[in-house]
Amino acid sequence: MSRTVLITDVHTPLGDQLLRRYLGEGYQVAATRSKDAVIQTPVASEEEQLLLIDWNRGSAISAKNVLLTTLNRYDRIEETLILSPPELEQKLLQETAAETIERAVDTWIKGTLFLMQTVLMQYSQQQAGCLALINHTPREEPAVPAPLENALRGSFAAAAGSILAGTALENVFVNGFESRTQKIEELADFVFDTMKSRGTKSSGRWYRFPARPGFLSALNR
């Protein structure tokens, strides 16, 4: 029987590559696309093993519907990959419209927390599951980071760190991934291979790609 994975934000380059990798390995994939997001890369064509779900990131009800829609099709979710905010426009805070800030908070903070919460509740009921929280910034850190993007990524990293440290559910494994690489396909392979080999063997760890010189790729914080 095929395993089922839920992948968020497959309209982004990394989400699209993860989608393709998991489909290529025979997984059943439920894939979310934010209704307000700009499509950056083409999504693999829909087929029997792929369920595409458009959702409203600012709604807790919509997050629950993502889970219910997936469970109605596949009965069970073994893995979930939640991606951090995509690369945003690099503007100073005083140059950023208030509407942009409000929409970003609803989309990338509220929505992400709603889905994290819903997935953990489902895994608690299943008494099993793997959750990967992927904090990916596809460029080197700028000298002066954009305040809005920094706030969004900082929120994701802080929430992920708390979940990694505080989740103590038997047979529920939560790990994090960090990377600034622009080698999107290689990062997707690294996430897939790590989840396959270690996803149900350890929990509460951060995996970094590429590994820092002289360090293991998996490091505790």
N, C-alpha and C. Protein backbone atom coordinates (compact mmCIF):
# COMPACT_ATOMS: atom_id res chain seq x y z
N MET A 1 0.84 -1.20 0.00
CA MET A 1 0.00 0.00 0.00
C MET A 1 0.87 1.25 0.00
N SER A 2 0.55 2.23 -0.85
CA SER A 2 1.34 3.44 -0.96
C SER A 2 1.21 4.30 0.28
N ARG A 3 2.32 4.96 0.64
CA ARG A 3 2.28 5.91 1.74
C ARG A 3 1.75 7.25 1.22
N THR A 4 1.15 8.01 2.11
CA THR A 4 0.59 9.30 1.75
C THR A 4 1.38 10.42 2.40
N VAL A 5 1.72 11.44 1.61
CA VAL A 5 2.43 12.60 2.12
C VAL A 5 1.64 13.85 1.77
N LEU A 6 1.58 14.79 2.70
CA LEU A 6 0.98 16.10 2.48
C LEU A 6 2.12 17.10 2.34
N ILE A 7 2.14 17.84 1.23
CA ILE A 7 3.19 18.83 0.97
C ILE A 7 2.54 20.19 0.76
N THR A 8 3.01 21.20 1.48
CA THR A 8 2.43 22.53 1.30
C THR A 8 3.17 23.30 0.21
N ASP A 9 2.46 24.27 -0.35
CA ASP A 9 3.06 25.30 -1.20
C ASP A 9 3.80 24.75 -2.42
N VAL A 10 3.12 23.88 -3.15
CA VAL A 10 3.76 23.28 -4.32
C VAL A 10 3.83 24.23 -5.50
N HIS A 11 3.31 25.47 -5.32
CA HIS A 11 3.48 26.49 -6.34
C HIS A 11 4.87 27.13 -6.27
N THR A 12 5.63 26.83 -5.19
CA THR A 12 6.99 27.36 -5.04
C THR A 12 7.99 26.38 -5.67
N PRO A 13 9.19 26.84 -6.01
CA PRO A 13 10.17 25.93 -6.63
C PRO A 13 10.48 24.71 -5.78
N LEU A 14 10.71 24.88 -4.46
CA LEU A 14 11.02 23.73 -3.62
C LEU A 14 9.81 22.82 -3.47
N GLY A 15 8.65 23.38 -3.27
CA GLY A 15 7.44 22.57 -3.16
C GLY A 15 7.20 21.74 -4.41
N ASP A 16 7.42 22.36 -5.57
CA ASP A 16 7.24 21.65 -6.84
C ASP A 16 8.22 20.49 -6.96
N GLN A 17 9.49 20.70 -6.59
CA GLN A 17 10.49 19.63 -6.67
C GLN A 17 10.18 18.50 -5.69
N LEU A 18 9.73 18.84 -4.49
CA LEU A 18 9.34 17.80 -3.53
C LEU A 18 8.16 16.99 -4.05
N LEU A 19 7.21 17.68 -4.64
CA LEU A 19 6.06 17.00 -5.22
C LEU A 19 6.50 15.99 -6.28
N ARG A 20 7.35 16.43 -7.17
CA ARG A 20 7.81 15.55 -8.25
C ARG A 20 8.59 14.34 -7.69
N ARG A 21 9.42 14.58 -6.66
CA ARG A 21 10.23 13.50 -6.11
C ARG A 21 9.34 12.45 -5.45
N TYR A 22 8.39 12.91 -4.64
CA TYR A 22 7.52 11.95 -3.96
C TYR A 22 6.62 11.19 -4.93
N LEU A 23 6.10 11.87 -5.94
CA LEU A 23 5.31 11.17 -6.95
C LEU A 23 6.16 10.14 -7.68
N GLY A 24 7.40 10.52 -8.00
CA GLY A 24 8.30 9.61 -8.70
C GLY A 24 8.64 8.37 -7.90
N GLU A 25 8.53 8.47 -6.57
CA GLU A 25 8.82 7.34 -5.70
C GLU A 25 7.56 6.53 -5.36
N GLY A 26 6.45 6.86 -6.00
CA GLY A 26 5.24 6.07 -5.83
C GLY A 26 4.35 6.46 -4.66
N TYR A 27 4.59 7.61 -4.05
CA TYR A 27 3.76 8.07 -2.95
C TYR A 27 2.43 8.61 -3.46
N GLN A 28 1.42 8.56 -2.62
CA GLN A 28 0.20 9.31 -2.82
C GLN A 28 0.43 10.69 -2.22
N VAL A 29 0.19 11.74 -3.02
CA VAL A 29 0.55 13.08 -2.58
C VAL A 29 -0.67 13.99 -2.55
N ALA A 30 -0.90 14.61 -1.39
CA ALA A 30 -1.85 15.71 -1.28
C ALA A 30 -1.02 16.99 -1.25
N ALA A 31 -1.30 17.92 -2.14
CA ALA A 31 -0.45 19.10 -2.30
C ALA A 31 -1.29 20.36 -2.20
N THR A 32 -0.85 21.29 -1.33
CA THR A 32 -1.60 22.53 -1.16
C THR A 32 -1.00 23.66 -1.97
N ARG A 33 -1.90 24.54 -2.44
CA ARG A 33 -1.51 25.78 -3.10
C ARG A 33 -2.29 26.90 -2.44
N SER A 34 -1.59 27.95 -2.02
CA SER A 34 -2.26 29.09 -1.41
C SER A 34 -3.05 29.84 -2.47
N LYS A 35 -4.29 30.19 -2.17
CA LYS A 35 -5.14 30.88 -3.13
C LYS A 35 -4.58 32.25 -3.51
N ASP A 36 -3.82 32.86 -2.59
CA ASP A 36 -3.30 34.20 -2.83
C ASP A 36 -1.89 34.21 -3.39
N ALA A 37 -1.31 33.03 -3.58
CA ALA A 37 0.10 32.97 -3.98
C ALA A 37 0.26 33.13 -5.49
N VAL A 38 1.40 33.66 -5.88
CA VAL A 38 1.75 33.75 -7.29
C VAL A 38 2.38 32.43 -7.71
N ILE A 39 1.90 31.85 -8.80
CA ILE A 39 2.46 30.59 -9.28
C ILE A 39 3.85 30.86 -9.86
N GLN A 40 4.87 30.24 -9.28
CA GLN A 40 6.24 30.48 -9.71
C GLN A 40 6.77 29.37 -10.62
N THR A 41 6.29 28.17 -10.42
CA THR A 41 6.75 27.07 -11.26
C THR A 41 5.55 26.19 -11.60
N PRO A 42 5.59 25.50 -12.73
CA PRO A 42 4.46 24.63 -13.07
C PRO A 42 4.37 23.45 -12.12
N VAL A 43 3.16 23.07 -11.77
CA VAL A 43 2.93 21.92 -10.91
C VAL A 43 2.72 20.69 -11.78
N ALA A 44 3.24 19.55 -11.34
CA ALA A 44 3.07 18.30 -12.09
C ALA A 44 1.59 18.07 -12.37
N SER A 45 1.27 17.48 -13.49
CA SER A 45 -0.12 17.28 -13.88
C SER A 45 -0.84 16.37 -12.89
N GLU A 46 -2.13 16.64 -12.70
CA GLU A 46 -2.91 15.88 -11.73
C GLU A 46 -3.13 14.45 -12.23
N GLU A 47 -3.03 13.51 -11.33
CA GLU A 47 -3.23 12.11 -11.65
C GLU A 47 -3.82 11.42 -10.44
N GLU A 48 -4.00 10.11 -10.54
CA GLU A 48 -4.66 9.38 -9.46
C GLU A 48 -3.90 9.51 -8.14
N GLN A 49 -2.59 9.56 -8.20
CA GLN A 49 -1.78 9.63 -6.98
C GLN A 49 -1.59 11.05 -6.46
N LEU A 50 -2.18 12.04 -7.13
CA LEU A 50 -2.00 13.43 -6.74
C LEU A 50 -3.33 14.11 -6.49
N LEU A 51 -3.44 14.74 -5.32
CA LEU A 51 -4.61 15.53 -4.96
C LEU A 51 -4.15 16.96 -4.73
N LEU A 52 -4.59 17.90 -5.58
CA LEU A 52 -4.23 19.31 -5.44
C LEU A 52 -5.32 20.03 -4.65
N ILE A 53 -4.92 20.79 -3.63
CA ILE A 53 -5.88 21.46 -2.76
C ILE A 53 -5.52 22.94 -2.68
N ASP A 54 -6.42 23.80 -3.12
CA ASP A 54 -6.26 25.24 -2.93
C ASP A 54 -6.83 25.59 -1.56
N TRP A 55 -6.10 26.40 -0.78
CA TRP A 55 -6.59 26.71 0.56
C TRP A 55 -6.33 28.15 0.95
N ASN A 56 -7.11 28.61 1.90
CA ASN A 56 -6.99 29.95 2.44
C ASN A 56 -6.13 29.89 3.69
N ARG A 57 -4.90 30.37 3.60
CA ARG A 57 -3.96 30.25 4.71
C ARG A 57 -4.39 31.01 5.96
N GLY A 58 -5.25 32.00 5.82
CA GLY A 58 -5.67 32.77 6.98
C GLY A 58 -6.82 32.18 7.75
N SER A 59 -7.26 30.99 7.36
CA SER A 59 -8.46 30.39 7.95
C SER A 59 -8.14 29.06 8.63
N ALA A 60 -8.49 28.96 9.91
CA ALA A 60 -8.32 27.69 10.63
C ALA A 60 -9.23 26.62 10.03
N ILE A 61 -10.41 27.01 9.60
CA ILE A 61 -11.35 26.07 8.99
C ILE A 61 -10.77 25.50 7.70
N SER A 62 -10.13 26.37 6.91
CA SER A 62 -9.52 25.91 5.66
C SER A 62 -8.40 24.92 5.92
N ALA A 63 -7.61 25.16 6.98
CA ALA A 63 -6.54 24.22 7.34
C ALA A 63 -7.13 22.86 7.69
N LYS A 64 -8.23 22.85 8.44
CA LYS A 64 -8.88 21.58 8.78
C LYS A 64 -9.43 20.90 7.53
N ASN A 65 -9.94 21.71 6.60
CA ASN A 65 -10.47 21.13 5.36
C ASN A 65 -9.37 20.48 4.52
N VAL A 66 -8.16 21.02 4.59
CA VAL A 66 -7.02 20.38 3.90
C VAL A 66 -6.85 18.96 4.40
N LEU A 67 -6.88 18.80 5.73
CA LEU A 67 -6.72 17.46 6.31
C LEU A 67 -7.89 16.56 5.96
N LEU A 68 -9.11 17.09 6.08
CA LEU A 68 -10.30 16.28 5.81
C LEU A 68 -10.34 15.84 4.35
N THR A 69 -9.99 16.76 3.44
CA THR A 69 -9.99 16.42 2.01
C THR A 69 -8.97 15.33 1.72
N THR A 70 -7.80 15.43 2.34
CA THR A 70 -6.77 14.41 2.15
C THR A 70 -7.21 13.07 2.72
N LEU A 71 -7.78 13.08 3.91
CA LEU A 71 -8.21 11.83 4.55
C LEU A 71 -9.37 11.19 3.82
N ASN A 72 -10.24 12.00 3.23
CA ASN A 72 -11.36 11.46 2.44
C ASN A 72 -10.86 10.72 1.21
N ARG A 73 -9.74 11.17 0.65
CA ARG A 73 -9.19 10.50 -0.53
C ARG A 73 -8.30 9.32 -0.16
N TYR A 74 -7.43 9.51 0.85
CA TYR A 74 -6.39 8.52 1.12
C TYR A 74 -6.49 7.82 2.47
N ASP A 75 -7.43 8.21 3.31
CA ASP A 75 -7.69 7.57 4.61
C ASP A 75 -6.66 7.90 5.69
N ARG A 76 -5.41 8.15 5.31
CA ARG A 76 -4.36 8.30 6.31
C ARG A 76 -3.25 9.18 5.76
N ILE A 77 -2.54 9.89 6.63
CA ILE A 77 -1.40 10.72 6.24
C ILE A 77 -0.19 10.27 7.05
N GLU A 78 0.80 9.70 6.38
CA GLU A 78 2.00 9.25 7.09
C GLU A 78 3.04 10.35 7.26
N GLU A 79 3.14 11.26 6.28
CA GLU A 79 4.15 12.31 6.34
C GLU A 79 3.53 13.64 5.96
N THR A 80 4.04 14.71 6.56
CA THR A 80 3.65 16.07 6.19
C THR A 80 4.90 16.94 6.10
N LEU A 81 5.01 17.70 5.01
CA LEU A 81 6.12 18.63 4.82
C LEU A 81 5.53 20.03 4.76
N ILE A 82 5.87 20.87 5.74
CA ILE A 82 5.38 22.25 5.78
C ILE A 82 6.54 23.18 5.47
N LEU A 83 6.38 24.00 4.43
CA LEU A 83 7.44 24.88 3.97
C LEU A 83 7.30 26.27 4.58
N SER A 84 8.44 26.94 4.76
CA SER A 84 8.46 28.32 5.25
C SER A 84 8.04 29.27 4.14
N PRO A 85 7.87 30.57 4.45
CA PRO A 85 7.48 31.53 3.42
C PRO A 85 8.44 31.54 2.24
N PRO A 86 7.94 31.80 1.04
CA PRO A 86 8.82 31.89 -0.13
C PRO A 86 9.61 33.19 -0.09
N GLU A 87 10.52 33.34 -1.02
CA GLU A 87 11.30 34.57 -1.11
C GLU A 87 10.38 35.75 -1.40
N LEU A 88 10.50 36.81 -0.60
CA LEU A 88 9.63 37.97 -0.75
C LEU A 88 10.40 39.15 -1.31
N GLU A 89 9.66 40.17 -1.74
CA GLU A 89 10.27 41.39 -2.26
C GLU A 89 11.11 42.05 -1.17
N GLN A 90 12.33 42.45 -1.52
CA GLN A 90 13.25 43.01 -0.53
C GLN A 90 13.05 44.52 -0.41
N LYS A 91 12.16 44.93 0.48
CA LYS A 91 11.88 46.34 0.69
C LYS A 91 12.15 46.73 2.14
N LEU A 92 12.49 48.00 2.35
CA LEU A 92 12.58 48.52 3.69
C LEU A 92 11.18 48.58 4.29
N LEU A 93 11.08 48.54 5.61
CA LEU A 93 9.77 48.51 6.25
C LEU A 93 8.95 49.75 5.90
N GLN A 94 9.59 50.92 5.86
CA GLN A 94 8.85 52.14 5.55
C GLN A 94 8.37 52.20 4.11
N GLU A 95 8.91 51.30 3.27
CA GLU A 95 8.49 51.24 1.87
C GLU A 95 7.43 50.17 1.63
N THR A 96 7.10 49.40 2.67
CA THR A 96 6.17 48.27 2.54
C THR A 96 4.76 48.71 2.91
N ALA A 97 3.81 48.43 2.04
CA ALA A 97 2.43 48.83 2.29
C ALA A 97 1.85 48.07 3.47
N ALA A 98 0.98 48.72 4.24
CA ALA A 98 0.34 48.09 5.39
C ALA A 98 -0.46 46.86 4.96
N GLU A 99 -1.09 46.94 3.79
CA GLU A 99 -1.88 45.81 3.29
C GLU A 99 -0.98 44.60 3.01
N THR A 100 0.24 44.86 2.55
CA THR A 100 1.19 43.78 2.29
C THR A 100 1.57 43.08 3.58
N ILE A 101 1.82 43.86 4.63
CA ILE A 101 2.17 43.29 5.94
C ILE A 101 1.01 42.47 6.48
N GLU A 102 -0.19 43.01 6.42
CA GLU A 102 -1.35 42.30 6.94
C GLU A 102 -1.59 40.99 6.21
N ARG A 103 -1.48 41.02 4.88
CA ARG A 103 -1.70 39.81 4.09
C ARG A 103 -0.61 38.78 4.38
N ALA A 104 0.64 39.24 4.52
CA ALA A 104 1.75 38.32 4.78
C ALA A 104 1.59 37.64 6.14
N VAL A 105 1.17 38.38 7.15
CA VAL A 105 0.97 37.79 8.48
C VAL A 105 -0.15 36.75 8.42
N ASP A 106 -1.24 37.07 7.76
CA ASP A 106 -2.35 36.12 7.64
C ASP A 106 -1.91 34.87 6.88
N THR A 107 -1.15 35.08 5.80
CA THR A 107 -0.79 33.97 4.92
C THR A 107 0.29 33.09 5.51
N TRP A 108 1.38 33.71 6.02
CA TRP A 108 2.57 32.94 6.35
C TRP A 108 2.81 32.73 7.83
N ILE A 109 2.07 33.40 8.70
CA ILE A 109 2.17 33.12 10.13
C ILE A 109 0.92 32.41 10.62
N LYS A 110 -0.24 33.03 10.47
CA LYS A 110 -1.48 32.40 10.93
C LYS A 110 -1.71 31.08 10.22
N GLY A 111 -1.60 31.09 8.89
CA GLY A 111 -1.89 29.89 8.12
C GLY A 111 -0.98 28.73 8.47
N THR A 112 0.32 29.04 8.62
CA THR A 112 1.28 27.99 8.95
C THR A 112 1.00 27.39 10.33
N LEU A 113 0.72 28.25 11.31
CA LEU A 113 0.41 27.77 12.65
C LEU A 113 -0.87 26.93 12.66
N PHE A 114 -1.89 27.37 11.92
CA PHE A 114 -3.13 26.59 11.84
C PHE A 114 -2.85 25.19 11.31
N LEU A 115 -2.04 25.09 10.26
CA LEU A 115 -1.79 23.78 9.66
C LEU A 115 -0.91 22.92 10.56
N MET A 116 0.12 23.51 11.17
CA MET A 116 0.94 22.76 12.13
C MET A 116 0.05 22.17 13.22
N GLN A 117 -0.83 23.00 13.77
CA GLN A 117 -1.72 22.54 14.84
C GLN A 117 -2.61 21.41 14.37
N THR A 118 -3.22 21.56 13.21
CA THR A 118 -4.15 20.56 12.69
C THR A 118 -3.45 19.24 12.42
N VAL A 119 -2.24 19.29 11.84
CA VAL A 119 -1.50 18.07 11.55
C VAL A 119 -1.12 17.35 12.85
N LEU A 120 -0.64 18.10 13.84
CA LEU A 120 -0.27 17.46 15.11
C LEU A 120 -1.48 16.85 15.81
N MET A 121 -2.63 17.49 15.71
CA MET A 121 -3.85 16.91 16.29
C MET A 121 -4.21 15.61 15.58
N GLN A 122 -4.07 15.58 14.24
CA GLN A 122 -4.37 14.36 13.49
C GLN A 122 -3.39 13.25 13.84
N TYR A 123 -2.10 13.58 13.95
CA TYR A 123 -1.11 12.56 14.31
C TYR A 123 -1.32 12.04 15.72
N SER A 124 -1.79 12.89 16.60
CA SER A 124 -2.11 12.44 17.96
C SER A 124 -3.24 11.42 17.93
N GLN A 125 -4.24 11.65 17.08
CA GLN A 125 -5.34 10.70 16.94
C GLN A 125 -4.88 9.41 16.28
N GLN A 126 -4.02 9.54 15.26
CA GLN A 126 -3.49 8.35 14.57
C GLN A 126 -2.51 7.58 15.44
N GLN A 127 -1.90 8.31 16.39
CA GLN A 127 -0.81 7.79 17.21
C GLN A 127 0.39 7.40 16.34
N ALA A 128 0.59 8.16 15.26
CA ALA A 128 1.73 7.94 14.37
C ALA A 128 1.77 9.05 13.34
N GLY A 129 2.98 9.33 12.83
CA GLY A 129 3.12 10.31 11.77
C GLY A 129 4.48 10.99 11.80
N CYS A 130 4.91 11.51 10.65
CA CYS A 130 6.17 12.24 10.53
C CYS A 130 5.88 13.65 10.01
N LEU A 131 6.45 14.65 10.68
CA LEU A 131 6.27 16.04 10.29
C LEU A 131 7.64 16.67 10.06
N ALA A 132 7.83 17.28 8.88
CA ALA A 132 9.06 18.00 8.57
C ALA A 132 8.73 19.47 8.39
N LEU A 133 9.45 20.34 9.10
CA LEU A 133 9.28 21.78 9.01
C LEU A 133 10.51 22.33 8.30
N ILE A 134 10.31 22.89 7.09
CA ILE A 134 11.42 23.19 6.20
C ILE A 134 11.60 24.70 6.07
N ASN A 135 12.69 25.21 6.64
CA ASN A 135 12.99 26.63 6.62
C ASN A 135 14.05 26.89 5.55
N HIS A 136 13.60 27.27 4.35
CA HIS A 136 14.49 27.41 3.21
C HIS A 136 14.47 28.84 2.70
N THR A 137 15.66 29.45 2.63
CA THR A 137 15.84 30.78 2.04
C THR A 137 16.78 30.63 0.85
N PRO A 138 16.30 30.77 -0.38
CA PRO A 138 17.12 30.44 -1.55
C PRO A 138 18.12 31.51 -1.96
N ARG A 139 18.87 32.06 -1.00
CA ARG A 139 19.93 33.03 -1.32
C ARG A 139 20.77 33.24 -0.07
N GLU A 140 21.95 33.82 -0.25
CA GLU A 140 22.79 34.18 0.88
C GLU A 140 22.13 35.31 1.67
N GLU A 141 22.40 35.37 2.95
CA GLU A 141 21.79 36.39 3.79
C GLU A 141 22.29 37.77 3.38
N PRO A 142 21.37 38.71 3.09
CA PRO A 142 21.79 40.05 2.68
C PRO A 142 22.38 40.83 3.85
N ALA A 143 23.13 41.88 3.52
CA ALA A 143 23.74 42.69 4.57
C ALA A 143 22.67 43.32 5.47
N VAL A 144 21.57 43.76 4.85
CA VAL A 144 20.45 44.32 5.60
C VAL A 144 19.20 43.53 5.22
N PRO A 145 18.83 42.54 6.00
CA PRO A 145 17.66 41.72 5.66
C PRO A 145 16.39 42.56 5.63
N ALA A 146 15.48 42.21 4.72
CA ALA A 146 14.19 42.89 4.64
C ALA A 146 13.39 42.58 5.90
N PRO A 147 12.89 43.60 6.60
CA PRO A 147 12.22 43.38 7.88
C PRO A 147 11.03 42.43 7.81
N LEU A 148 10.17 42.56 6.79
CA LEU A 148 8.98 41.73 6.73
C LEU A 148 9.36 40.26 6.54
N GLU A 149 10.23 39.99 5.58
CA GLU A 149 10.63 38.60 5.36
C GLU A 149 11.35 38.04 6.58
N ASN A 150 12.19 38.87 7.21
CA ASN A 150 12.89 38.43 8.41
C ASN A 150 11.91 38.05 9.52
N ALA A 151 10.87 38.85 9.67
CA ALA A 151 9.86 38.58 10.70
C ALA A 151 9.13 37.28 10.42
N LEU A 152 8.80 37.04 9.16
CA LEU A 152 8.07 35.83 8.79
C LEU A 152 8.93 34.59 8.98
N ARG A 153 10.18 34.66 8.51
CA ARG A 153 11.06 33.50 8.65
C ARG A 153 11.44 33.27 10.11
N GLY A 154 11.62 34.35 10.86
CA GLY A 154 11.91 34.20 12.27
C GLY A 154 10.77 33.56 13.02
N SER A 155 9.55 33.92 12.66
CA SER A 155 8.38 33.31 13.28
C SER A 155 8.31 31.81 12.98
N PHE A 156 8.58 31.45 11.72
CA PHE A 156 8.56 30.04 11.33
C PHE A 156 9.62 29.26 12.09
N ALA A 157 10.85 29.80 12.14
CA ALA A 157 11.94 29.10 12.82
C ALA A 157 11.66 28.96 14.31
N ALA A 158 11.11 30.01 14.93
CA ALA A 158 10.82 29.96 16.36
C ALA A 158 9.73 28.93 16.66
N ALA A 159 8.67 28.94 15.85
CA ALA A 159 7.59 27.97 16.06
C ALA A 159 8.09 26.55 15.84
N ALA A 160 8.88 26.36 14.78
CA ALA A 160 9.42 25.03 14.50
C ALA A 160 10.31 24.56 15.65
N GLY A 161 11.16 25.44 16.15
CA GLY A 161 12.04 25.06 17.25
C GLY A 161 11.28 24.66 18.49
N SER A 162 10.21 25.38 18.80
CA SER A 162 9.39 25.04 19.97
C SER A 162 8.70 23.70 19.79
N ILE A 163 8.22 23.44 18.58
CA ILE A 163 7.54 22.16 18.32
C ILE A 163 8.53 21.01 18.41
N LEU A 164 9.72 21.20 17.83
CA LEU A 164 10.74 20.15 17.90
C LEU A 164 11.11 19.84 19.33
N ALA A 165 11.20 20.87 20.15
CA ALA A 165 11.62 20.68 21.54
C ALA A 165 10.49 20.16 22.43
N GLY A 166 9.25 20.49 22.06
CA GLY A 166 8.15 20.20 22.98
C GLY A 166 7.24 19.05 22.61
N THR A 167 7.34 18.52 21.39
CA THR A 167 6.46 17.43 20.99
C THR A 167 6.93 16.12 21.63
N ALA A 168 6.03 15.51 22.38
CA ALA A 168 6.38 14.26 23.08
C ALA A 168 5.26 13.24 22.89
N LEU A 169 4.88 13.04 21.63
CA LEU A 169 3.84 12.07 21.31
C LEU A 169 4.49 10.79 20.82
N GLU A 170 4.10 9.67 21.37
CA GLU A 170 4.69 8.39 20.98
C GLU A 170 4.40 8.11 19.51
N ASN A 171 5.43 7.70 18.78
CA ASN A 171 5.34 7.36 17.36
C ASN A 171 5.02 8.56 16.47
N VAL A 172 5.17 9.79 17.00
CA VAL A 172 5.05 11.00 16.19
C VAL A 172 6.43 11.65 16.14
N PHE A 173 6.98 11.79 14.93
CA PHE A 173 8.36 12.26 14.75
C PHE A 173 8.34 13.61 14.05
N VAL A 174 8.96 14.61 14.69
CA VAL A 174 8.99 15.97 14.15
C VAL A 174 10.44 16.41 14.02
N ASN A 175 10.83 16.82 12.80
CA ASN A 175 12.19 17.29 12.56
C ASN A 175 12.17 18.53 11.69
N GLY A 176 13.27 19.28 11.72
CA GLY A 176 13.36 20.50 10.94
C GLY A 176 14.49 20.44 9.93
N PHE A 177 14.34 21.22 8.85
CA PHE A 177 15.36 21.34 7.82
C PHE A 177 15.66 22.82 7.59
N GLU A 178 16.95 23.15 7.46
CA GLU A 178 17.38 24.51 7.19
C GLU A 178 18.32 24.53 6.00
N SER A 179 18.16 25.53 5.12
CA SER A 179 19.07 25.64 3.99
C SER A 179 18.95 27.01 3.35
N ARG A 180 20.08 27.48 2.78
CA ARG A 180 20.07 28.68 1.95
C ARG A 180 20.49 28.35 0.52
N THR A 181 20.51 27.09 0.19
CA THR A 181 20.98 26.69 -1.12
C THR A 181 20.03 27.13 -2.23
N GLN A 182 20.61 27.38 -3.40
CA GLN A 182 19.81 27.62 -4.60
C GLN A 182 19.70 26.36 -5.45
N LYS A 183 20.29 25.28 -4.96
CA LYS A 183 20.21 23.99 -5.66
C LYS A 183 18.94 23.27 -5.19
N ILE A 184 17.82 23.69 -5.74
CA ILE A 184 16.52 23.26 -5.25
C ILE A 184 16.31 21.76 -5.40
N GLU A 185 16.70 21.22 -6.54
CA GLU A 185 16.50 19.79 -6.78
C GLU A 185 17.33 18.95 -5.79
N GLU A 186 18.56 19.39 -5.52
CA GLU A 186 19.40 18.65 -4.56
C GLU A 186 18.83 18.74 -3.15
N LEU A 187 18.28 19.89 -2.78
CA LEU A 187 17.66 20.03 -1.47
C LEU A 187 16.44 19.13 -1.35
N ALA A 188 15.63 19.07 -2.40
CA ALA A 188 14.45 18.19 -2.37
C ALA A 188 14.89 16.73 -2.20
N ASP A 189 15.95 16.33 -2.89
CA ASP A 189 16.46 14.96 -2.74
C ASP A 189 16.94 14.71 -1.31
N PHE A 190 17.61 15.72 -0.73
CA PHE A 190 18.12 15.58 0.63
C PHE A 190 16.97 15.42 1.62
N VAL A 191 15.92 16.22 1.47
CA VAL A 191 14.76 16.11 2.37
C VAL A 191 14.12 14.73 2.22
N PHE A 192 13.91 14.31 0.98
CA PHE A 192 13.27 13.01 0.77
C PHE A 192 14.11 11.88 1.35
N ASP A 193 15.40 11.87 1.04
CA ASP A 193 16.27 10.78 1.52
C ASP A 193 16.37 10.77 3.04
N THR A 194 16.44 11.96 3.65
CA THR A 194 16.53 12.02 5.10
C THR A 194 15.24 11.54 5.75
N MET A 195 14.11 11.95 5.21
CA MET A 195 12.83 11.51 5.76
C MET A 195 12.66 10.00 5.61
N LYS A 196 13.12 9.47 4.49
CA LYS A 196 12.98 8.04 4.25
C LYS A 196 13.87 7.23 5.19
N SER A 197 15.10 7.71 5.42
CA SER A 197 16.06 6.93 6.21
C SER A 197 15.98 7.21 7.70
N ARG A 198 15.59 8.45 8.08
CA ARG A 198 15.63 8.81 9.49
C ARG A 198 14.30 9.34 10.04
N GLY A 199 13.32 9.49 9.18
CA GLY A 199 12.07 10.14 9.59
C GLY A 199 11.36 9.48 10.75
N THR A 200 11.46 8.17 10.85
CA THR A 200 10.80 7.45 11.95
C THR A 200 11.81 6.89 12.95
N LYS A 201 13.04 7.41 12.91
CA LYS A 201 14.07 6.91 13.83
C LYS A 201 14.53 7.96 14.83
N SER A 202 14.30 9.23 14.51
CA SER A 202 14.70 10.29 15.44
C SER A 202 13.70 11.42 15.35
N SER A 203 13.67 12.23 16.39
CA SER A 203 12.74 13.36 16.45
C SER A 203 13.42 14.51 17.17
N GLY A 204 12.99 15.73 16.84
CA GLY A 204 13.52 16.90 17.51
C GLY A 204 14.85 17.38 16.99
N ARG A 205 15.20 17.03 15.76
CA ARG A 205 16.50 17.39 15.20
C ARG A 205 16.35 18.39 14.04
N TRP A 206 17.38 19.21 13.87
CA TRP A 206 17.51 20.08 12.71
C TRP A 206 18.50 19.44 11.75
N TYR A 207 18.14 19.37 10.48
CA TYR A 207 19.04 18.89 9.43
C TYR A 207 19.38 20.09 8.54
N ARG A 208 20.67 20.29 8.30
CA ARG A 208 21.11 21.41 7.49
C ARG A 208 21.70 20.93 6.18
N PHE A 209 21.36 21.63 5.10
CA PHE A 209 21.89 21.29 3.78
C PHE A 209 22.39 22.57 3.10
N PRO A 210 23.64 22.55 2.57
CA PRO A 210 24.62 21.47 2.80
C PRO A 210 25.16 21.55 4.21
N ALA A 211 25.75 20.45 4.68
CA ALA A 211 26.30 20.42 6.03
C ALA A 211 27.45 21.40 6.14
N ARG A 212 27.58 22.01 7.31
CA ARG A 212 28.71 22.90 7.55
C ARG A 212 30.00 22.09 7.57
N PRO A 213 31.10 22.64 7.04
CA PRO A 213 32.38 21.91 7.05
C PRO A 213 32.77 21.46 8.45
N GLY A 214 33.08 20.17 8.56
CA GLY A 214 33.52 19.65 9.84
C GLY A 214 32.39 19.26 10.77
N PHE A 215 31.13 19.40 10.31
CA PHE A 215 29.99 19.05 11.15
C PHE A 215 29.17 17.98 10.45
N LEU A 216 28.37 17.27 11.24
CA LEU A 216 27.40 16.35 10.68
C LEU A 216 26.25 17.15 10.12
N SER A 217 25.50 16.58 9.17
CA SER A 217 24.38 17.30 8.58
C SER A 217 23.24 17.44 9.55
N ALA A 218 23.15 16.57 10.51
CA ALA A 218 22.08 16.65 11.51
C ALA A 218 22.66 17.15 12.81
N LEU A 219 22.19 18.29 13.28
CA LEU A 219 22.71 18.90 14.48
C LEU A 219 21.59 19.23 15.43
N ASN A 220 21.79 18.99 16.69
CA ASN A 220 20.82 19.42 17.69
C ASN A 220 21.03 20.90 17.99
N ARG A 221 19.95 21.60 18.31
CA ARG A 221 20.04 22.97 18.75
C ARG A 221 19.90 23.02 20.25
